[in-house]
Amino acid sequence: MADGLNVKIYPEDQVQTFPDPSLGIGSKIIITRATVIYVTDAKKLTVYHTWKRTIRDLLKEKNIELLGQDSSDPSLDTWIRYNMSLTITRVAEVDLTQTEPIDFQIIKKNTVDLEKGQTSVQTQGVKGEKEVIYTIKRIDGEEASRTVKDTTITKQPVAEVLLIGIGPKLAKSGPYKDTINAAVESSLNKNYSVNGTALMCLMIKESNGHADSINPDGPYYGLFQYEEGFWASISQAAGYSGASWSDSTAQIYSTVWALSRGYGGHWGSNWSTCANK
């Protein structure tokens, strides 16, 4: 009869008839509708029919559980109204372990054993590895946040050593060529930060290769135009304590010592120009 009247009866609805339809004398049908509530659970909409009075009782009736940080809006103790909407937000936290690379460091070293502009890899860099544990928070199945819980390095990276050419190492011509080349190859120039062509260039700019050169403006003395006080301290540090400023060998070796230890600024633009030629 309900189908014939195009009336949909839900299982939760209450139906009364009188007299019994089987008598065939006509019947009165009373349909009492259960309360309709629209429940969105993790973004999925379901329509429920219920006789329960509170949201808490509805969830229990429909075997819907709230776990952990899950929540309902409105709250569980809210009384149900007809055509009410309920939103259930599902919150889950899980730990995820990922293996990630660690970039290696690149260490650059100047060398006069390579021509200026050339490079060479002395030690090949190797990436390391680490295990990172992330705590991932998902809301309604979608990632909302990711935080690092723990990190363990499982493989240390190996730094790459890149040689940068500042050569040529040896001077090819000029005054005191042999002494200059011997000095740049000596233990005073351990880091190979001074090459023969740059040292020859500086000497020519300062004195044009004259060991007895004197500039009265300073006054400045010798192949590399030292002030007396500066010459005394540098020559002593380089192992030539007491040597005369006119001693070409002492000046060349002491200057290599000074330049290889960062005193290039003493010669200002002359050294900047020669070092970058």
C-alpha atoms as a PDB file:
ATOM      1  CA  MET A   1       0.000   0.000   0.000  1.00  0.00           C
ATOM      2  CA  ALA A   2       2.869   2.404   0.846  1.00  0.00           C
ATOM      3  CA  ASP A   3       4.570   1.649  -2.452  1.00  0.00           C
ATOM      4  CA  GLY A   4       1.318   2.321  -4.244  1.00  0.00           C
ATOM      5  CA  LEU A   5       1.076   5.698  -2.557  1.00  0.00           C
ATOM      6  CA  ASN A   6       4.749   6.395  -3.347  1.00  0.00           C
ATOM      7  CA  VAL A   7       5.483   6.680   0.367  1.00  0.00           C
ATOM      8  CA  LYS A   8       8.952   5.520   1.482  1.00  0.00           C
ATOM      9  CA  ILE A   9       9.095   3.878   4.878  1.00  0.00           C
ATOM     10  CA  TYR A  10      12.489   3.588   6.548  1.00  0.00           C
ATOM     11  CA  PRO A  11      13.310   0.707   8.881  1.00  0.00           C
ATOM     12  CA  GLU A  12      13.461   3.049  11.863  1.00  0.00           C
ATOM     13  CA  ASP A  13      10.013   4.534  11.190  1.00  0.00           C
ATOM     14  CA  GLN A  14       7.057   3.253  13.232  1.00  0.00           C
ATOM     15  CA  VAL A  15       3.996   2.061  11.275  1.00  0.00           C
ATOM     16  CA  GLN A  16       0.549   1.378  12.706  1.00  0.00           C
ATOM     17  CA  THR A  17      -2.514   0.124  10.786  1.00  0.00           C
ATOM     18  CA  PHE A  18      -6.139  -0.334  11.871  1.00  0.00           C
ATOM     19  CA  PRO A  19      -7.987  -2.489  11.200  1.00  0.00           C
ATOM     20  CA  ASP A  20      -5.672  -5.242   9.984  1.00  0.00           C
ATOM     21  CA  PRO A  21      -5.246  -4.854   6.218  1.00  0.00           C
ATOM     22  CA  SER A  22      -5.722  -8.582   5.784  1.00  0.00           C
ATOM     23  CA  LEU A  23      -9.433  -8.115   6.552  1.00  0.00           C
ATOM     24  CA  GLY A  24      -9.804  -6.313   3.254  1.00  0.00           C
ATOM     25  CA  ILE A  25     -12.242  -3.746   4.617  1.00  0.00           C
ATOM     26  CA  GLY A  26      -9.869  -0.772   4.446  1.00  0.00           C
ATOM     27  CA  SER A  27      -7.260   0.424   6.920  1.00  0.00           C
ATOM     28  CA  LYS A  28      -5.884   3.565   8.485  1.00  0.00           C
ATOM     29  CA  ILE A  29      -2.108   3.793   8.300  1.00  0.00           C
ATOM     30  CA  ILE A  30      -0.179   5.949  10.789  1.00  0.00           C
ATOM     31  CA  ILE A  31       3.530   6.465  10.073  1.00  0.00           C
ATOM     32  CA  THR A  32       5.604   8.051  12.819  1.00  0.00           C
ATOM     33  CA  ARG A  33       8.935   9.140  11.427  1.00  0.00           C
ATOM     34  CA  ALA A  34      12.247   8.649  13.193  1.00  0.00           C
ATOM     35  CA  THR A  35      14.430  11.761  13.492  1.00  0.00           C
ATOM     36  CA  VAL A  36      16.579  12.421  10.432  1.00  0.00           C
ATOM     37  CA  ILE A  37      20.183  13.476  11.064  1.00  0.00           C
ATOM     38  CA  TYR A  38      22.916  14.166   8.496  1.00  0.00           C
ATOM     39  CA  VAL A  39      26.257  12.815   9.620  1.00  0.00           C
ATOM     40  CA  THR A  40      29.486  13.776   7.844  1.00  0.00           C
ATOM     41  CA  ASP A  41      32.169  11.362   8.995  1.00  0.00           C
ATOM     42  CA  ALA A  42      35.658  12.115   7.644  1.00  0.00           C
ATOM     43  CA  LYS A  43      34.019  14.099   4.816  1.00  0.00           C
ATOM     44  CA  LYS A  44      31.650  11.236   3.907  1.00  0.00           C
ATOM     45  CA  LEU A  45      27.952  12.092   4.256  1.00  0.00           C
ATOM     46  CA  THR A  46      25.458   9.524   5.560  1.00  0.00           C
ATOM     47  CA  VAL A  47      21.796  10.097   6.420  1.00  0.00           C
ATOM     48  CA  TYR A  48      20.613   8.311   9.569  1.00  0.00           C
ATOM     49  CA  HIS A  49      17.162   7.837  11.095  1.00  0.00           C
ATOM     50  CA  THR A  50      16.969   7.404  14.842  1.00  0.00           C
ATOM     51  CA  TRP A  51      14.876   7.541  17.964  1.00  0.00           C
ATOM     52  CA  LYS A  52      17.878   8.306  20.123  1.00  0.00           C
ATOM     53  CA  ARG A  53      17.921  11.621  21.929  1.00  0.00           C
ATOM     54  CA  THR A  54      21.616  12.547  22.094  1.00  0.00           C
ATOM     55  CA  ILE A  55      24.489  12.358  19.665  1.00  0.00           C
ATOM     56  CA  ARG A  56      26.324  10.050  22.055  1.00  0.00           C
ATOM     57  CA  ASP A  57      23.444   7.561  21.971  1.00  0.00           C
ATOM     58  CA  LEU A  58      23.179   7.854  18.187  1.00  0.00           C
ATOM     59  CA  LEU A  59      26.849   6.997  17.696  1.00  0.00           C
ATOM     60  CA  LYS A  60      26.490   4.019  19.999  1.00  0.00           C
ATOM     61  CA  GLU A  61      23.408   2.836  18.138  1.00  0.00           C
ATOM     62  CA  LYS A  62      25.120   3.109  14.741  1.00  0.00           C
ATOM     63  CA  ASN A  63      28.402   1.589  16.005  1.00  0.00           C
ATOM     64  CA  ILE A  64      30.323   4.761  15.255  1.00  0.00           C
ATOM     65  CA  GLU A  65      33.397   5.102  17.488  1.00  0.00           C
ATOM     66  CA  LEU A  66      35.408   8.187  18.307  1.00  0.00           C
ATOM     67  CA  LEU A  67      39.048   7.312  18.957  1.00  0.00           C
ATOM     68  CA  GLY A  68      42.012   9.303  20.205  1.00  0.00           C
ATOM     69  CA  GLN A  69      41.747  12.904  19.028  1.00  0.00           C
ATOM     70  CA  ASP A  70      38.551  12.369  17.003  1.00  0.00           C
ATOM     71  CA  SER A  71      35.841  14.936  17.700  1.00  0.00           C
ATOM     72  CA  SER A  72      32.209  15.666  16.974  1.00  0.00           C
ATOM     73  CA  ASP A  73      30.506  18.966  16.226  1.00  0.00           C
ATOM     74  CA  PRO A  74      28.170  19.535  17.984  1.00  0.00           C
ATOM     75  CA  SER A  75      29.356  17.749  21.121  1.00  0.00           C
ATOM     76  CA  LEU A  76      28.334  14.266  22.213  1.00  0.00           C
ATOM     77  CA  ASP A  77      25.808  15.422  24.813  1.00  0.00           C
ATOM     78  CA  THR A  78      23.903  17.614  22.360  1.00  0.00           C
ATOM     79  CA  TRP A  79      20.219  16.703  21.904  1.00  0.00           C
ATOM     80  CA  ILE A  80      19.270  15.629  18.423  1.00  0.00           C
ATOM     81  CA  ARG A  81      16.922  17.778  16.363  1.00  0.00           C
ATOM     82  CA  TYR A  82      15.149  16.886  13.133  1.00  0.00           C
ATOM     83  CA  ASN A  83      17.348  17.402  10.016  1.00  0.00           C
ATOM     84  CA  MET A  84      20.303  18.172  12.239  1.00  0.00           C
ATOM     85  CA  SER A  85      23.850  18.072  10.808  1.00  0.00           C
ATOM     86  CA  LEU A  86      26.682  16.364  12.672  1.00  0.00           C
ATOM     87  CA  THR A  87      30.345  16.549  11.637  1.00  0.00           C
ATOM     88  CA  ILE A  88      32.833  13.966  12.859  1.00  0.00           C
ATOM     89  CA  THR A  89      36.485  14.902  12.409  1.00  0.00           C
ATOM     90  CA  ARG A  90      38.936  12.020  12.341  1.00  0.00           C
ATOM     91  CA  VAL A  91      42.419  12.765  13.657  1.00  0.00           C
ATOM     92  CA  ALA A  92      45.218  10.224  13.362  1.00  0.00           C
ATOM     93  CA  GLU A  93      48.919  10.418  14.196  1.00  0.00           C
ATOM     94  CA  VAL A  94      51.353   7.923  12.736  1.00  0.00           C
ATOM     95  CA  ASP A  95      55.145   7.627  12.696  1.00  0.00           C
ATOM     96  CA  LEU A  96      56.817   7.325   9.312  1.00  0.00           C
ATOM     97  CA  THR A  97      60.485   6.425   8.860  1.00  0.00           C
ATOM     98  CA  GLN A  98      62.243   7.695   5.741  1.00  0.00           C
ATOM     99  CA  THR A  99      65.791   7.326   4.476  1.00  0.00           C
ATOM    100  CA  GLU A 100      67.120  10.661   3.238  1.00  0.00           C
ATOM    101  CA  PRO A 101      70.436  11.751   1.692  1.00  0.00           C
ATOM    102  CA  ILE A 102      72.919  14.064   3.413  1.00  0.00           C
ATOM    103  CA  ASP A 103      74.740  16.422   1.038  1.00  0.00           C
ATOM    104  CA  PHE A 104      78.495  16.410   1.242  1.00  0.00           C
ATOM    105  CA  GLN A 105      80.587  19.512   1.887  1.00  0.00           C
ATOM    106  CA  ILE A 106      82.794  20.903  -0.872  1.00  0.00           C
ATOM    107  CA  ILE A 107      86.212  22.033   0.345  1.00  0.00           C
ATOM    108  CA  LYS A 108      88.093  24.256  -2.087  1.00  0.00           C
ATOM    109  CA  LYS A 109      91.883  24.397  -1.997  1.00  0.00           C
ATOM    110  CA  ASN A 110      94.134  26.604  -4.073  1.00  0.00           C
ATOM    111  CA  THR A 111      97.061  24.934  -5.783  1.00  0.00           C
ATOM    112  CA  VAL A 112      99.797  26.198  -8.031  1.00  0.00           C
ATOM    113  CA  ASP A 113     100.162  22.716  -9.508  1.00  0.00           C
ATOM    114  CA  LEU A 114      97.234  23.569 -11.808  1.00  0.00           C
ATOM    115  CA  GLU A 115      97.029  26.417 -14.277  1.00  0.00           C
ATOM    116  CA  LYS A 116      94.759  29.310 -13.313  1.00  0.00           C
ATOM    117  CA  GLY A 117      91.165  28.469 -14.230  1.00  0.00           C
ATOM    118  CA  GLN A 118      91.695  24.707 -14.044  1.00  0.00           C
ATOM    119  CA  THR A 119      90.085  22.534 -11.371  1.00  0.00           C
ATOM    120  CA  SER A 120      90.566  18.976 -10.256  1.00  0.00           C
ATOM    121  CA  VAL A 121      88.732  16.767  -7.787  1.00  0.00           C
ATOM    122  CA  GLN A 122      91.245  15.472  -5.278  1.00  0.00           C
ATOM    123  CA  THR A 123      88.707  13.535  -3.203  1.00  0.00           C
ATOM    124  CA  GLN A 124      85.338  12.554  -4.626  1.00  0.00           C
ATOM    125  CA  GLY A 125      82.428  13.600  -2.448  1.00  0.00           C
ATOM    126  CA  VAL A 126      80.013  10.928  -1.284  1.00  0.00           C
ATOM    127  CA  LYS A 127      76.551  11.645   0.066  1.00  0.00           C
ATOM    128  CA  GLY A 128      75.661  10.310   3.472  1.00  0.00           C
ATOM    129  CA  GLU A 129      72.362   8.881   4.633  1.00  0.00           C
ATOM    130  CA  LYS A 130      70.087   9.416   7.582  1.00  0.00           C
ATOM    131  CA  GLU A 131      66.916   7.842   8.892  1.00  0.00           C
ATOM    132  CA  VAL A 132      64.327  10.427   9.838  1.00  0.00           C
ATOM    133  CA  ILE A 133      61.237   9.533  11.874  1.00  0.00           C
ATOM    134  CA  TYR A 134      58.357  11.896  11.162  1.00  0.00           C
ATOM    135  CA  THR A 135      55.189  12.162  13.214  1.00  0.00           C
ATOM    136  CA  ILE A 136      52.453  12.758  10.683  1.00  0.00           C
ATOM    137  CA  LYS A 137      49.089  14.157  11.726  1.00  0.00           C
ATOM    138  CA  ARG A 138      46.187  13.470   9.397  1.00  0.00           C
ATOM    139  CA  ILE A 139      42.789  15.124   9.642  1.00  0.00           C
ATOM    140  CA  ASP A 140      40.024  13.309   7.803  1.00  0.00           C
ATOM    141  CA  GLY A 141      42.654  11.335   5.907  1.00  0.00           C
ATOM    142  CA  GLU A 142      44.638  14.344   4.717  1.00  0.00           C
ATOM    143  CA  GLU A 143      48.090  15.254   6.056  1.00  0.00           C
ATOM    144  CA  ALA A 144      47.851  18.356   8.232  1.00  0.00           C
ATOM    145  CA  SER A 145      51.340  18.478   9.728  1.00  0.00           C
ATOM    146  CA  ARG A 146      54.659  16.662   9.756  1.00  0.00           C
ATOM    147  CA  THR A 147      57.269  17.048  12.495  1.00  0.00           C
ATOM    148  CA  VAL A 148      60.644  15.410  12.984  1.00  0.00           C
ATOM    149  CA  LYS A 149      60.571  13.021  15.900  1.00  0.00           C
ATOM    150  CA  ASP A 150      64.089  11.591  15.635  1.00  0.00           C
ATOM    151  CA  THR A 151      67.069  11.549  13.260  1.00  0.00           C
ATOM    152  CA  THR A 152      69.797   8.923  13.044  1.00  0.00           C
ATOM    153  CA  ILE A 153      72.801   9.258  10.746  1.00  0.00           C
ATOM    154  CA  THR A 154      73.434   5.835   9.219  1.00  0.00           C
ATOM    155  CA  LYS A 155      76.193   6.849   6.814  1.00  0.00           C
ATOM    156  CA  GLN A 156      78.504   9.826   7.231  1.00  0.00           C
ATOM    157  CA  PRO A 157      79.069  11.966   4.109  1.00  0.00           C
ATOM    158  CA  VAL A 158      82.559  12.279   2.649  1.00  0.00           C
ATOM    159  CA  ALA A 159      83.625  15.840   1.845  1.00  0.00           C
ATOM    160  CA  GLU A 160      84.696  16.590  -1.702  1.00  0.00           C
ATOM    161  CA  VAL A 161      88.072  18.271  -2.041  1.00  0.00           C
ATOM    162  CA  LEU A 162      88.234  20.494  -5.103  1.00  0.00           C
ATOM    163  CA  LEU A 163      91.590  21.854  -6.202  1.00  0.00           C
ATOM    164  CA  ILE A 164      91.520  25.335  -7.756  1.00  0.00           C
ATOM    165  CA  GLY A 165      94.379  26.215 -10.043  1.00  0.00           C
ATOM    166  CA  ILE A 166      96.258  29.454  -9.340  1.00  0.00           C
ATOM    167  CA  GLY A 167      99.388  28.499 -11.303  1.00  0.00           C
ATOM    168  CA  PRO A 168     101.613  28.279 -13.136  1.00  0.00           C
ATOM    169  CA  LYS A 169     103.649  27.272 -10.127  1.00  0.00           C
ATOM    170  CA  LEU A 170     107.043  28.349 -11.420  1.00  0.00           C
ATOM    171  CA  ALA A 171     108.249  31.581 -12.972  1.00  0.00           C
ATOM    172  CA  LYS A 172     109.517  31.088 -16.498  1.00  0.00           C
ATOM    173  CA  SER A 173     111.757  34.126 -16.732  1.00  0.00           C
ATOM    174  CA  GLY A 174     112.942  37.206 -14.851  1.00  0.00           C
ATOM    175  CA  PRO A 175     115.465  38.267 -12.210  1.00  0.00           C
ATOM    176  CA  TYR A 176     116.128  35.751  -9.426  1.00  0.00           C
ATOM    177  CA  LYS A 177     113.966  33.216 -11.267  1.00  0.00           C
ATOM    178  CA  ASP A 178     115.670  30.189  -9.736  1.00  0.00           C
ATOM    179  CA  THR A 179     115.535  31.590  -6.194  1.00  0.00           C
ATOM    180  CA  ILE A 180     111.863  32.506  -6.600  1.00  0.00           C
ATOM    181  CA  ASN A 181     110.978  29.042  -7.894  1.00  0.00           C
ATOM    182  CA  ALA A 182     112.908  27.372  -5.088  1.00  0.00           C
ATOM    183  CA  ALA A 183     111.116  29.549  -2.517  1.00  0.00           C
ATOM    184  CA  VAL A 184     107.611  28.762  -3.753  1.00  0.00           C
ATOM    185  CA  GLU A 185     108.438  25.039  -3.595  1.00  0.00           C
ATOM    186  CA  SER A 186     109.932  25.294  -0.122  1.00  0.00           C
ATOM    187  CA  SER A 187     108.343  24.354   3.212  1.00  0.00           C
ATOM    188  CA  LEU A 188     107.656  28.054   3.826  1.00  0.00           C
ATOM    189  CA  ASN A 189     104.905  27.783   1.212  1.00  0.00           C
ATOM    190  CA  LYS A 190     103.254  24.671   2.629  1.00  0.00           C
ATOM    191  CA  ASN A 191      99.785  25.506   1.367  1.00  0.00           C
ATOM    192  CA  TYR A 192     100.967  26.356  -2.166  1.00  0.00           C
ATOM    193  CA  SER A 193      99.148  29.671  -1.865  1.00  0.00           C
ATOM    194  CA  VAL A 194     101.919  31.583  -3.668  1.00  0.00           C
ATOM    195  CA  ASN A 195     103.051  30.778  -7.183  1.00  0.00           C
ATOM    196  CA  GLY A 196     106.239  31.808  -8.906  1.00  0.00           C
ATOM    197  CA  THR A 197     104.661  33.973 -11.596  1.00  0.00           C
ATOM    198  CA  ALA A 198     102.710  36.005  -8.998  1.00  0.00           C
ATOM    199  CA  LEU A 199     105.829  36.465  -6.838  1.00  0.00           C
ATOM    200  CA  MET A 200     107.895  37.537  -9.861  1.00  0.00           C
ATOM    201  CA  CYS A 201     105.136  39.987 -10.844  1.00  0.00           C
ATOM    202  CA  LEU A 202     105.128  41.538  -7.360  1.00  0.00           C
ATOM    203  CA  MET A 203     108.892  41.890  -7.294  1.00  0.00           C
ATOM    204  CA  ILE A 204     108.940  43.650 -10.665  1.00  0.00           C
ATOM    205  CA  LYS A 205     106.180  46.033  -9.589  1.00  0.00           C
ATOM    206  CA  GLU A 206     107.900  46.862  -6.292  1.00  0.00           C
ATOM    207  CA  SER A 207     111.563  47.184  -7.309  1.00  0.00           C
ATOM    208  CA  ASN A 208     111.928  46.037 -10.920  1.00  0.00           C
ATOM    209  CA  GLY A 209     114.162  43.296  -9.534  1.00  0.00           C
ATOM    210  CA  HIS A 210     116.756  45.509  -7.821  1.00  0.00           C
ATOM    211  CA  ALA A 211     117.787  44.167  -4.399  1.00  0.00           C
ATOM    212  CA  ASP A 212     119.304  47.509  -3.350  1.00  0.00           C
ATOM    213  CA  SER A 213     116.224  49.531  -4.287  1.00  0.00           C
ATOM    214  CA  ILE A 214     115.239  52.271  -1.791  1.00  0.00           C
ATOM    215  CA  ASN A 215     112.086  54.363  -1.912  1.00  0.00           C
ATOM    216  CA  PRO A 216     112.500  57.405   0.373  1.00  0.00           C
ATOM    217  CA  ASP A 217     108.713  57.840   0.773  1.00  0.00           C
ATOM    218  CA  GLY A 218     108.615  55.091   3.387  1.00  0.00           C
ATOM    219  CA  PRO A 219     111.360  54.608   3.380  1.00  0.00           C
ATOM    220  CA  TYR A 220     110.963  51.168   1.729  1.00  0.00           C
ATOM    221  CA  TYR A 221     113.825  48.783   1.017  1.00  0.00           C
ATOM    222  CA  GLY A 222     114.809  45.881  -1.199  1.00  0.00           C
ATOM    223  CA  LEU A 223     113.206  43.654  -3.799  1.00  0.00           C
ATOM    224  CA  PHE A 224     109.778  43.822  -2.136  1.00  0.00           C
ATOM    225  CA  GLN A 225     110.093  47.266  -0.548  1.00  0.00           C
ATOM    226  CA  TYR A 226     109.881  46.570   3.174  1.00  0.00           C
ATOM    227  CA  GLU A 227     109.692  49.075   5.991  1.00  0.00           C
ATOM    228  CA  GLU A 228     112.482  48.345   8.478  1.00  0.00           C
ATOM    229  CA  GLY A 229     110.116  47.313  11.301  1.00  0.00           C
ATOM    230  CA  PHE A 230     107.990  45.091   9.097  1.00  0.00           C
ATOM    231  CA  TRP A 231     111.100  43.529   7.561  1.00  0.00           C
ATOM    232  CA  ALA A 232     112.527  42.740  10.999  1.00  0.00           C
ATOM    233  CA  SER A 233     109.370  40.944  12.159  1.00  0.00           C
ATOM    234  CA  ILE A 234     108.682  39.044   8.913  1.00  0.00           C
ATOM    235  CA  SER A 235     112.268  37.942   8.339  1.00  0.00           C
ATOM    236  CA  GLN A 236     112.508  36.669  11.895  1.00  0.00           C
ATOM    237  CA  ALA A 237     109.240  34.702  11.564  1.00  0.00           C
ATOM    238  CA  ALA A 238     110.442  33.193   8.290  1.00  0.00           C
ATOM    239  CA  GLY A 239     113.734  32.044   9.841  1.00  0.00           C
ATOM    240  CA  TYR A 240     115.958  34.846   8.561  1.00  0.00           C
ATOM    241  CA  SER A 241     116.392  36.804  11.779  1.00  0.00           C
ATOM    242  CA  GLY A 242     119.061  39.495  11.454  1.00  0.00           C
ATOM    243  CA  ALA A 243     119.285  39.242   7.660  1.00  0.00           C
ATOM    244  CA  SER A 244     119.841  42.474   5.762  1.00  0.00           C
ATOM    245  CA  TRP A 245     117.007  43.798   3.666  1.00  0.00           C
ATOM    246  CA  SER A 246     119.398  43.818   0.723  1.00  0.00           C
ATOM    247  CA  ASP A 247     119.814  40.035   0.992  1.00  0.00           C
ATOM    248  CA  SER A 248     117.796  38.951  -2.058  1.00  0.00           C
ATOM    249  CA  THR A 249     117.405  35.357  -0.906  1.00  0.00           C
ATOM    250  CA  ALA A 250     116.204  36.426   2.538  1.00  0.00           C
ATOM    251  CA  GLN A 251     113.706  38.871   1.011  1.00  0.00           C
ATOM    252  CA  ILE A 252     112.335  36.313  -1.471  1.00  0.00           C
ATOM    253  CA  TYR A 253     111.893  33.520   1.097  1.00  0.00           C
ATOM    254  CA  SER A 254     110.530  35.872   3.758  1.00  0.00           C
ATOM    255  CA  THR A 255     108.043  37.321   1.275  1.00  0.00           C
ATOM    256  CA  VAL A 256     106.819  33.821   0.358  1.00  0.00           C
ATOM    257  CA  TRP A 257     106.312  33.166   4.065  1.00  0.00           C
ATOM    258  CA  ALA A 258     104.398  36.439   4.502  1.00  0.00           C
ATOM    259  CA  LEU A 259     102.177  35.983   1.435  1.00  0.00           C
ATOM    260  CA  SER A 260     101.325  32.379   2.232  1.00  0.00           C
ATOM    261  CA  ARG A 261     100.143  33.490   5.680  1.00  0.00           C
ATOM    262  CA  GLY A 262      97.844  36.272   4.653  1.00  0.00           C
ATOM    263  CA  TYR A 263     100.068  39.365   4.633  1.00  0.00           C
ATOM    264  CA  GLY A 264      99.293  40.178   1.010  1.00  0.00           C
ATOM    265  CA  GLY A 265      97.430  43.315   2.042  1.00  0.00           C
ATOM    266  CA  HIS A 266     100.752  44.917   2.980  1.00  0.00           C
ATOM    267  CA  TRP A 267     101.482  45.281  -0.759  1.00  0.00           C
ATOM    268  CA  GLY A 268      97.961  46.523  -1.532  1.00  0.00           C
ATOM    269  CA  SER A 269      96.819  46.651  -5.138  1.00  0.00           C
ATOM    270  CA  ASN A 270     100.194  45.410  -6.461  1.00  0.00           C
ATOM    271  CA  TRP A 271      99.668  42.027  -4.822  1.00  0.00           C
ATOM    272  CA  SER A 272      95.963  41.897  -5.715  1.00  0.00           C
ATOM    273  CA  THR A 273      96.853  42.471  -9.354  1.00  0.00           C
ATOM    274  CA  CYS A 274      99.658  39.898  -9.405  1.00  0.00           C
ATOM    275  CA  ALA A 275      97.785  37.232  -7.446  1.00  0.00           C
ATOM    276  CA  ASN A 276      94.826  37.407  -9.863  1.00  0.00           C
ATOM    277  CA  LYS A 277      96.771  37.514 -13.123  1.00  0.00           C
END
